PDB file of N, CA and C in Angstrom:
ATOM      1  N   UNK A   1      93.266 135.325  96.924  1.00  0.00           N
ATOM      2  CA  UNK A   1      94.366 134.838  97.736  1.00  0.00           C
ATOM      3  C   UNK A   1      93.948 133.624  98.552  1.00  0.00           C
ATOM      4  N   UNK A   2      92.726 133.669  99.051  1.00  0.00           N
ATOM      5  CA  UNK A   2      92.235 132.574  99.866  1.00  0.00           C
ATOM      6  C   UNK A   2      92.089 131.295  99.034  1.00  0.00           C
ATOM      7  N   UNK A   3      91.691 131.417  97.771  1.00  0.00           N
ATOM      8  CA  UNK A   3      91.530 130.259  96.890  1.00  0.00           C
ATOM      9  C   UNK A   3      92.880 129.606  96.611  1.00  0.00           C
ATOM     10  N   UNK A   4      93.885 130.405  96.427  1.00  0.00           N
ATOM     11  CA  UNK A   4      95.220 129.887  96.151  1.00  0.00           C
ATOM     12  C   UNK A   4      95.736 129.082  97.344  1.00  0.00           C
ATOM     13  N   UNK A   5      95.499 129.556  98.549  1.00  0.00           N
ATOM     14  CA  UNK A   5      95.962 128.834  99.727  1.00  0.00           C
ATOM     15  C   UNK A   5      95.211 127.511  99.877  1.00  0.00           C
ATOM     16  N   UNK A   6      93.905 127.509  99.577  1.00  0.00           N
ATOM     17  CA  UNK A   6      93.141 126.262  99.635  1.00  0.00           C
ATOM     18  C   UNK A   6      93.600 125.276  98.558  1.00  0.00           C
ATOM     19  N   UNK A   7      93.907 125.768  97.385  1.00  0.00           N
ATOM     20  CA  UNK A   7      94.418 124.893  96.325  1.00  0.00           C
ATOM     21  C   UNK A   7      95.773 124.296  96.715  1.00  0.00           C
ATOM     22  N   UNK A   8      96.604 125.119  97.325  1.00  0.00           N
ATOM     23  CA  UNK A   8      97.904 124.621  97.786  1.00  0.00           C
ATOM     24  C   UNK A   8      97.749 123.568  98.869  1.00  0.00           C
ATOM     25  N   UNK A   9      96.833 123.811  99.796  1.00  0.00           N
ATOM     26  CA  UNK A   9      96.577 122.849 100.864  1.00  0.00           C
ATOM     27  C   UNK A   9      96.011 121.541 100.300  1.00  0.00           C
ATOM     28  N   UNK A  10      95.111 121.649  99.350  1.00  0.00           N
ATOM     29  CA  UNK A  10      94.527 120.457  98.718  1.00  0.00           C
ATOM     30  C   UNK A  10      95.589 119.677  97.953  1.00  0.00           C
ATOM     31  N   UNK A  11      96.407 120.370  97.186  1.00  0.00           N
ATOM     32  CA  UNK A  11      97.472 119.705  96.425  1.00  0.00           C
ATOM     33  C   UNK A  11      98.481 119.044  97.360  1.00  0.00           C
ATOM     34  N   UNK A  12      98.830 119.705  98.450  1.00  0.00           N
ATOM     35  CA  UNK A  12      99.762 119.134  99.419  1.00  0.00           C
ATOM     36  C   UNK A  12      99.193 117.900 100.106  1.00  0.00           C
ATOM     37  N   UNK A  13      97.907 117.947 100.445  1.00  0.00           N
ATOM     38  CA  UNK A  13      97.263 116.785 101.064  1.00  0.00           C
ATOM     39  C   UNK A  13      97.215 115.610 100.099  1.00  0.00           C
ATOM     40  N   UNK A  14      96.890 115.877  98.848  1.00  0.00           N
ATOM     41  CA  UNK A  14      96.850 114.824  97.839  1.00  0.00           C
ATOM     42  C   UNK A  14      98.239 114.215  97.632  1.00  0.00           C
ATOM     43  N   UNK A  15      99.248 115.060  97.545  1.00  0.00           N
ATOM     44  CA  UNK A  15     100.616 114.566  97.356  1.00  0.00           C
ATOM     45  C   UNK A  15     101.063 113.738  98.558  1.00  0.00           C
ATOM     46  N   UNK A  16     100.706 114.163  99.767  1.00  0.00           N
ATOM     47  CA  UNK A  16     101.048 113.391 100.958  1.00  0.00           C
ATOM     48  C   UNK A  16     100.366 112.033 100.965  1.00  0.00           C
ATOM     49  N   UNK A  17      99.084 111.987 100.573  1.00  0.00           N
ATOM     50  CA  UNK A  17      98.358 110.715 100.502  1.00  0.00           C
ATOM     51  C   UNK A  17      98.942 109.782  99.458  1.00  0.00           C
ATOM     52  N   UNK A  18      99.296 110.336  98.307  1.00  0.00           N
ATOM     53  CA  UNK A  18      99.902 109.518  97.254  1.00  0.00           C
ATOM     54  C   UNK A  18     101.261 108.978  97.696  1.00  0.00           C
ATOM     55  N   UNK A  19     102.027 109.804  98.395  1.00  0.00           N
ATOM     56  CA  UNK A  19     103.326 109.352  98.904  1.00  0.00           C
ATOM     57  C   UNK A  19     103.183 108.245  99.930  1.00  0.00           C
ATOM     58  N   UNK A  20     102.206 108.354 100.832  1.00  0.00           N
ATOM     59  CA  UNK A  20     101.975 107.313 101.824  1.00  0.00           C
ATOM     60  C   UNK A  20     101.498 106.019 101.175  1.00  0.00           C
ATOM     61  N   UNK A  21     100.662 106.124 100.139  1.00  0.00           N
ATOM     62  CA  UNK A  21     100.213 104.926  99.426  1.00  0.00           C
ATOM     63  C   UNK A  21     101.389 104.238  98.741  1.00  0.00           C
ATOM     64  N   UNK A  22     102.268 105.029  98.153  1.00  0.00           N
ATOM     65  CA  UNK A  22     103.463 104.461  97.510  1.00  0.00           C
ATOM     66  C   UNK A  22     104.343 103.750  98.525  1.00  0.00           C
ATOM     67  N   UNK A  23     104.586 104.390  99.669  1.00  0.00           N
ATOM     68  CA  UNK A  23     105.432 103.773 100.692  1.00  0.00           C
ATOM     69  C   UNK A  23     104.777 102.533 101.290  1.00  0.00           C
ATOM     70  N   UNK A  24     103.461 102.545 101.451  1.00  0.00           N
ATOM     71  CA  UNK A  24     102.758 101.376 101.958  1.00  0.00           C
ATOM     72  C   UNK A  24     102.863 100.201 101.008  1.00  0.00           C
ATOM     73  N   UNK A  25     102.724 100.456  99.714  1.00  0.00           N
ATOM     74  CA  UNK A  25     102.857  99.393  98.717  1.00  0.00           C
ATOM     75  C   UNK A  25     104.275  98.838  98.696  1.00  0.00           C
ATOM     76  N   UNK A  26     105.224  99.715  98.781  1.00  0.00           N
ATOM     77  CA  UNK A  26     106.634  99.295  98.789  1.00  0.00           C
ATOM     78  C   UNK A  26     106.946  98.455 100.023  1.00  0.00           C
ATOM     79  N   UNK A  27     106.414  98.866 101.173  1.00  0.00           N
ATOM     80  CA  UNK A  27     106.625  98.118 102.409  1.00  0.00           C
ATOM     81  C   UNK A  27     105.984  96.736 102.321  1.00  0.00           C
ATOM     82  N   UNK A  28     104.796  96.637 101.740  1.00  0.00           N
ATOM     83  CA  UNK A  28     104.118  95.356 101.596  1.00  0.00           C
ATOM     84  C   UNK A  28     104.927  94.424 100.701  1.00  0.00           C
ATOM     85  N   UNK A  29     105.468  94.964  99.614  1.00  0.00           N
ATOM     86  CA  UNK A  29     106.277  94.166  98.696  1.00  0.00           C
ATOM     87  C   UNK A  29     107.541  93.637  99.387  1.00  0.00           C
ATOM     88  N   UNK A  30     108.216  94.497 100.138  1.00  0.00           N
ATOM     89  CA  UNK A  30     109.428  94.079 100.819  1.00  0.00           C
ATOM     90  C   UNK A  30     109.135  93.098 101.944  1.00  0.00           C
ATOM     91  N   UNK A  31     108.011  93.247 102.623  1.00  0.00           N
ATOM     92  CA  UNK A  31     107.690  92.309 103.697  1.00  0.00           C
ATOM     93  C   UNK A  31     107.403  90.921 103.134  1.00  0.00           C
ATOM     94  N   UNK A  32     106.782  90.835 101.961  1.00  0.00           N
ATOM     95  CA  UNK A  32     106.556  89.519 101.358  1.00  0.00           C
ATOM     96  C   UNK A  32     107.875  88.898 100.909  1.00  0.00           C
ATOM     97  N   UNK A  33     108.820  89.710 100.437  1.00  0.00           N
ATOM     98  CA  UNK A  33     110.138  89.184 100.066  1.00  0.00           C
ATOM     99  C   UNK A  33     110.900  88.689 101.286  1.00  0.00           C
ATOM    100  N   UNK A  34     110.812  89.426 102.374  1.00  0.00           N
ATOM    101  CA  UNK A  34     111.497  89.020 103.599  1.00  0.00           C
ATOM    102  C   UNK A  34     110.898  87.718 104.126  1.00  0.00           C
ATOM    103  N   UNK A  35     109.583  87.584 104.051  1.00  0.00           N
ATOM    104  CA  UNK A  35     108.940  86.344 104.480  1.00  0.00           C
ATOM    105  C   UNK A  35     109.395  85.169 103.619  1.00  0.00           C
ATOM    106  N   UNK A  36     109.476  85.379 102.305  1.00  0.00           N
ATOM    107  CA  UNK A  36     109.933  84.338 101.398  1.00  0.00           C
ATOM    108  C   UNK A  36     111.352  83.901 101.727  1.00  0.00           C
ATOM    109  N   UNK A  37     112.251  84.854 101.919  1.00  0.00           N
ATOM    110  CA  UNK A  37     113.642  84.517 102.215  1.00  0.00           C
ATOM    111  C   UNK A  37     113.790  83.842 103.581  1.00  0.00           C
ATOM    112  N   UNK A  38     112.962  84.213 104.542  1.00  0.00           N
ATOM    113  CA  UNK A  38     113.046  83.548 105.843  1.00  0.00           C
ATOM    114  C   UNK A  38     112.547  82.109 105.750  1.00  0.00           C
ATOM    115  N   UNK A  39     111.516  81.852 104.925  1.00  0.00           N
ATOM    116  CA  UNK A  39     111.061  80.472 104.733  1.00  0.00           C
ATOM    117  C   UNK A  39     112.119  79.650 104.020  1.00  0.00           C
ATOM    118  N   UNK A  40     112.776  80.244 103.023  1.00  0.00           N
ATOM    119  CA  UNK A  40     113.824  79.533 102.293  1.00  0.00           C
ATOM    120  C   UNK A  40     115.009  79.227 103.211  1.00  0.00           C
ATOM    121  N   UNK A  41     115.432  80.207 103.994  1.00  0.00           N
ATOM    122  CA  UNK A  41     116.591  79.979 104.863  1.00  0.00           C
ATOM    123  C   UNK A  41     116.261  78.995 105.982  1.00  0.00           C
ATOM    124  N   UNK A  42     114.999  78.868 106.358  1.00  0.00           N
ATOM    125  CA  UNK A  42     114.622  77.903 107.392  1.00  0.00           C
ATOM    126  C   UNK A  42     114.758  76.470 106.898  1.00  0.00           C
ATOM    127  N   UNK A  43     114.742  76.264 105.582  1.00  0.00           N
ATOM    128  CA  UNK A  43     114.863  74.905 105.055  1.00  0.00           C
ATOM    129  C   UNK A  43     116.299  74.404 105.091  1.00  0.00           C
ATOM    130  N   UNK A  44     117.262  75.299 105.174  1.00  0.00           N
ATOM    131  CA  UNK A  44     118.667  74.895 105.174  1.00  0.00           C
ATOM    132  C   UNK A  44     119.128  74.610 106.601  1.00  0.00           C
ATOM    133  N   UNK A  45     119.038  73.351 106.971  1.00  0.00           N
ATOM    134  CA  UNK A  45     119.469  72.910 108.296  1.00  0.00           C
ATOM    135  C   UNK A  45     120.601  71.901 108.115  1.00  0.00           C
ATOM    136  N   UNK A  46     121.708  72.131 108.768  1.00  0.00           N
ATOM    137  CA  UNK A  46     122.878  71.275 108.616  1.00  0.00           C
ATOM    138  C   UNK A  46     122.600  69.871 109.147  1.00  0.00           C
ATOM    139  N   UNK A  47     121.872  69.762 110.248  1.00  0.00           N
ATOM    140  CA  UNK A  47     121.645  68.452 110.856  1.00  0.00           C
ATOM    141  C   UNK A  47     120.700  67.571 110.047  1.00  0.00           C
ATOM    142  N   UNK A  48     119.997  68.122 109.062  1.00  0.00           N
ATOM    143  CA  UNK A  48     119.094  67.327 108.236  1.00  0.00           C
ATOM    144  C   UNK A  48     119.829  66.605 107.115  1.00  0.00           C
ATOM    145  N   UNK A  49     120.983  67.039 106.776  1.00  0.00           N
ATOM    146  CA  UNK A  49     121.721  66.461 105.667  1.00  0.00           C
ATOM    147  C   UNK A  49     121.483  67.256 104.399  1.00  0.00           C
ATOM    148  N   UNK A  50     122.391  67.109 103.474  1.00  0.00           N
ATOM    149  CA  UNK A  50     122.334  67.889 102.242  1.00  0.00           C
ATOM    150  C   UNK A  50     121.136  67.528 101.382  1.00  0.00           C
ATOM    151  N   UNK A  51     120.880  66.233 101.212  1.00  0.00           N
ATOM    152  CA  UNK A  51     119.779  65.812 100.336  1.00  0.00           C
ATOM    153  C   UNK A  51     118.438  66.293 100.876  1.00  0.00           C
ATOM    154  N   UNK A  52     118.224  66.173 102.168  1.00  0.00           N
ATOM    155  CA  UNK A  52     116.954  66.603 102.762  1.00  0.00           C
ATOM    156  C   UNK A  52     116.813  68.120 102.709  1.00  0.00           C
ATOM    157  N   UNK A  53     117.903  68.836 102.955  1.00  0.00           N
ATOM    158  CA  UNK A  53     117.857  70.299 102.881  1.00  0.00           C
ATOM    159  C   UNK A  53     117.534  70.767 101.470  1.00  0.00           C
ATOM    160  N   UNK A  54     118.152  70.146 100.476  1.00  0.00           N
ATOM    161  CA  UNK A  54     117.853  70.500  99.089  1.00  0.00           C
ATOM    162  C   UNK A  54     116.421  70.158  98.716  1.00  0.00           C
ATOM    163  N   UNK A  55     115.928  69.017  99.204  1.00  0.00           N
ATOM    164  CA  UNK A  55     114.553  68.634  98.916  1.00  0.00           C
ATOM    165  C   UNK A  55     113.581  69.662  99.493  1.00  0.00           C
ATOM    166  N   UNK A  56     113.814  70.071 100.742  1.00  0.00           N
ATOM    167  CA  UNK A  56     112.945  71.068 101.368  1.00  0.00           C
ATOM    168  C   UNK A  56     113.046  72.412 100.663  1.00  0.00           C
ATOM    169  N   UNK A  57     114.257  72.772 100.267  1.00  0.00           N
ATOM    170  CA  UNK A  57     114.473  74.025  99.546  1.00  0.00           C
ATOM    171  C   UNK A  57     113.710  74.045  98.225  1.00  0.00           C
ATOM    172  N   UNK A  58     113.854  72.973  97.450  1.00  0.00           N
ATOM    173  CA  UNK A  58     113.167  72.909  96.158  1.00  0.00           C
ATOM    174  C   UNK A  58     111.659  72.802  96.328  1.00  0.00           C
ATOM    175  N   UNK A  59     111.228  72.131  97.367  1.00  0.00           N
ATOM    176  CA  UNK A  59     109.791  72.039  97.633  1.00  0.00           C
ATOM    177  C   UNK A  59     109.215  73.412  97.974  1.00  0.00           C
ATOM    178  N   UNK A  60     109.946  74.185  98.757  1.00  0.00           N
ATOM    179  CA  UNK A  60     109.486  75.534  99.102  1.00  0.00           C
ATOM    180  C   UNK A  60     109.441  76.429  97.862  1.00  0.00           C
ATOM    181  N   UNK A  61     110.457  76.318  97.008  1.00  0.00           N
ATOM    182  CA  UNK A  61     110.437  77.086  95.757  1.00  0.00           C
ATOM    183  C   UNK A  61     109.263  76.676  94.876  1.00  0.00           C
ATOM    184  N   UNK A  62     109.012  75.380  94.770  1.00  0.00           N
ATOM    185  CA  UNK A  62     107.909  74.899  93.947  1.00  0.00           C
ATOM    186  C   UNK A  62     106.572  75.357  94.499  1.00  0.00           C
ATOM    187  N   UNK A  63     106.426  75.353  95.809  1.00  0.00           N
ATOM    188  CA  UNK A  63     105.180  75.815  96.417  1.00  0.00           C
ATOM    189  C   UNK A  63     104.988  77.310  96.194  1.00  0.00           C
ATOM    190  N   UNK A  64     106.049  78.065  96.353  1.00  0.00           N
ATOM    191  CA  UNK A  64     105.953  79.522  96.211  1.00  0.00           C
ATOM    192  C   UNK A  64     105.605  79.923  94.780  1.00  0.00           C
ATOM    193  N   UNK A  65     106.222  79.268  93.807  1.00  0.00           N
ATOM    194  CA  UNK A  65     106.015  79.646  92.418  1.00  0.00           C
ATOM    195  C   UNK A  65     104.998  78.760  91.703  1.00  0.00           C
ATOM    196  N   UNK A  66     104.259  77.946  92.458  1.00  0.00           N
ATOM    197  CA  UNK A  66     103.211  77.078  91.902  1.00  0.00           C
ATOM    198  C   UNK A  66     103.729  76.207  90.769  1.00  0.00           C
ATOM    199  N   UNK A  67     104.858  75.575  90.985  1.00  0.00           N
ATOM    200  CA  UNK A  67     105.465  74.711  89.975  1.00  0.00           C
ATOM    201  C   UNK A  67     105.462  73.283  90.495  1.00  0.00           C
ATOM    202  N   UNK A  68     104.342  72.597  90.314  1.00  0.00           N
ATOM    203  CA  UNK A  68     104.209  71.257  90.871  1.00  0.00           C
ATOM    204  C   UNK A  68     105.078  70.240  90.145  1.00  0.00           C
ATOM    205  N   UNK A  69     105.461  70.532  88.913  1.00  0.00           N
ATOM    206  CA  UNK A  69     106.347  69.621  88.190  1.00  0.00           C
ATOM    207  C   UNK A  69     107.689  69.507  88.898  1.00  0.00           C
ATOM    208  N   UNK A  70     108.101  70.568  89.554  1.00  0.00           N
ATOM    209  CA  UNK A  70     109.377  70.562  90.259  1.00  0.00           C
ATOM    210  C   UNK A  70     109.348  69.589  91.425  1.00  0.00           C
ATOM    211  N   UNK A  71     108.181  69.352  92.002  1.00  0.00           N
ATOM    212  CA  UNK A  71     108.086  68.400  93.104  1.00  0.00           C
ATOM    213  C   UNK A  71     108.409  66.988  92.633  1.00  0.00           C
ATOM    214  N   UNK A  72     107.928  66.637  91.439  1.00  0.00           N
ATOM    215  CA  UNK A  72     108.221  65.323  90.891  1.00  0.00           C
ATOM    216  C   UNK A  72     109.719  65.189  90.620  1.00  0.00           C
ATOM    217  N   UNK A  73     110.318  66.208  90.053  1.00  0.00           N
ATOM    218  CA  UNK A  73     111.755  66.200  89.787  1.00  0.00           C
ATOM    219  C   UNK A  73     112.536  66.090  91.089  1.00  0.00           C
ATOM    220  N   UNK A  74     112.090  66.774  92.113  1.00  0.00           N
ATOM    221  CA  UNK A  74     112.733  66.703  93.421  1.00  0.00           C
ATOM    222  C   UNK A  74     112.657  65.295  93.973  1.00  0.00           C
ATOM    223  N   UNK A  75     111.499  64.667  93.849  1.00  0.00           N
ATOM    224  CA  UNK A  75     111.334  63.305  94.367  1.00  0.00           C
ATOM    225  C   UNK A  75     112.238  62.330  93.624  1.00  0.00           C
ATOM    226  N   UNK A  76     112.355  62.482  92.321  1.00  0.00           N
ATOM    227  CA  UNK A  76     113.206  61.590  91.536  1.00  0.00           C
ATOM    228  C   UNK A  76     114.670  61.773  91.926  1.00  0.00           C
ATOM    229  N   UNK A  77     115.122  62.997  92.042  1.00  0.00           N
ATOM    230  CA  UNK A  77     116.521  63.250  92.385  1.00  0.00           C
ATOM    231  C   UNK A  77     116.828  62.791  93.801  1.00  0.00           C
ATOM    232  N   UNK A  78     115.899  62.988  94.733  1.00  0.00           N
ATOM    233  CA  UNK A  78     116.121  62.540  96.107  1.00  0.00           C
ATOM    234  C   UNK A  78     116.207  61.021  96.150  1.00  0.00           C
ATOM    235  N   UNK A  79     115.348  60.368  95.389  1.00  0.00           N
ATOM    236  CA  UNK A  79     115.383  58.902  95.343  1.00  0.00           C
ATOM    237  C   UNK A  79     116.713  58.415  94.774  1.00  0.00           C
ATOM    238  N   UNK A  80     117.210  59.061  93.732  1.00  0.00           N
ATOM    239  CA  UNK A  80     118.513  58.683  93.155  1.00  0.00           C
ATOM    240  C   UNK A  80     119.644  58.913  94.147  1.00  0.00           C
ATOM    241  N   UNK A  81     119.572  60.009  94.888  1.00  0.00           N
ATOM    242  CA  UNK A  81     120.623  60.292  95.870  1.00  0.00           C
ATOM    243  C   UNK A  81     120.627  59.222  96.955  1.00  0.00           C
ATOM    244  N   UNK A  82     119.462  58.772  97.395  1.00  0.00           N
ATOM    245  CA  UNK A  82     119.395  57.728  98.408  1.00  0.00           C
ATOM    246  C   UNK A  82     119.911  56.408  97.836  1.00  0.00           C
ATOM    247  N   UNK A  83     119.644  56.157  96.566  1.00  0.00           N
ATOM    248  CA  UNK A  83     120.094  54.931  95.925  1.00  0.00           C
ATOM    249  C   UNK A  83     121.621  54.899  95.821  1.00  0.00           C
ATOM    250  N   UNK A  84     122.212  56.024  95.386  1.00  0.00           N
ATOM    251  CA  UNK A  84     123.656  56.055  95.180  1.00  0.00           C
ATOM    252  C   UNK A  84     124.436  56.144  96.498  1.00  0.00           C
ATOM    253  N   UNK A  85     123.922  56.900  97.447  1.00  0.00           N
ATOM    254  CA  UNK A  85     124.670  57.124  98.683  1.00  0.00           C
ATOM    255  C   UNK A  85     124.235  56.203  99.806  1.00  0.00           C
ATOM    256  N   UNK A  86     123.207  55.417  99.588  1.00  0.00           N
ATOM    257  CA  UNK A  86     122.764  54.459 100.582  1.00  0.00           C
ATOM    258  C   UNK A  86     122.168  55.097 101.826  1.00  0.00           C
ATOM    259  N   UNK A  87     121.625  56.275 101.692  1.00  0.00           N
ATOM    260  CA  UNK A  87     121.042  56.964 102.850  1.00  0.00           C
ATOM    261  C   UNK A  87     119.634  56.511 103.123  1.00  0.00           C
TER     262      UNK A  87
END
């Protein structure tokens, strides 16, 4: 009887530890997503203008996803927008 209670206690402790590890991993994943979305939303400022806000937005996406080619595309499109709109 004593062995059964120790096995139950051991199994319960293991299950509790596994559950806490799962919740910790899930919390870490969600906190990184929240940080990403807060950085993205910080780039959208009305007083900066649409072209500058889009440039900052695309730059943040390119930095986050390690897509340096997108930076060149952003620079080309921003330059065209300044050319056409005279900004």
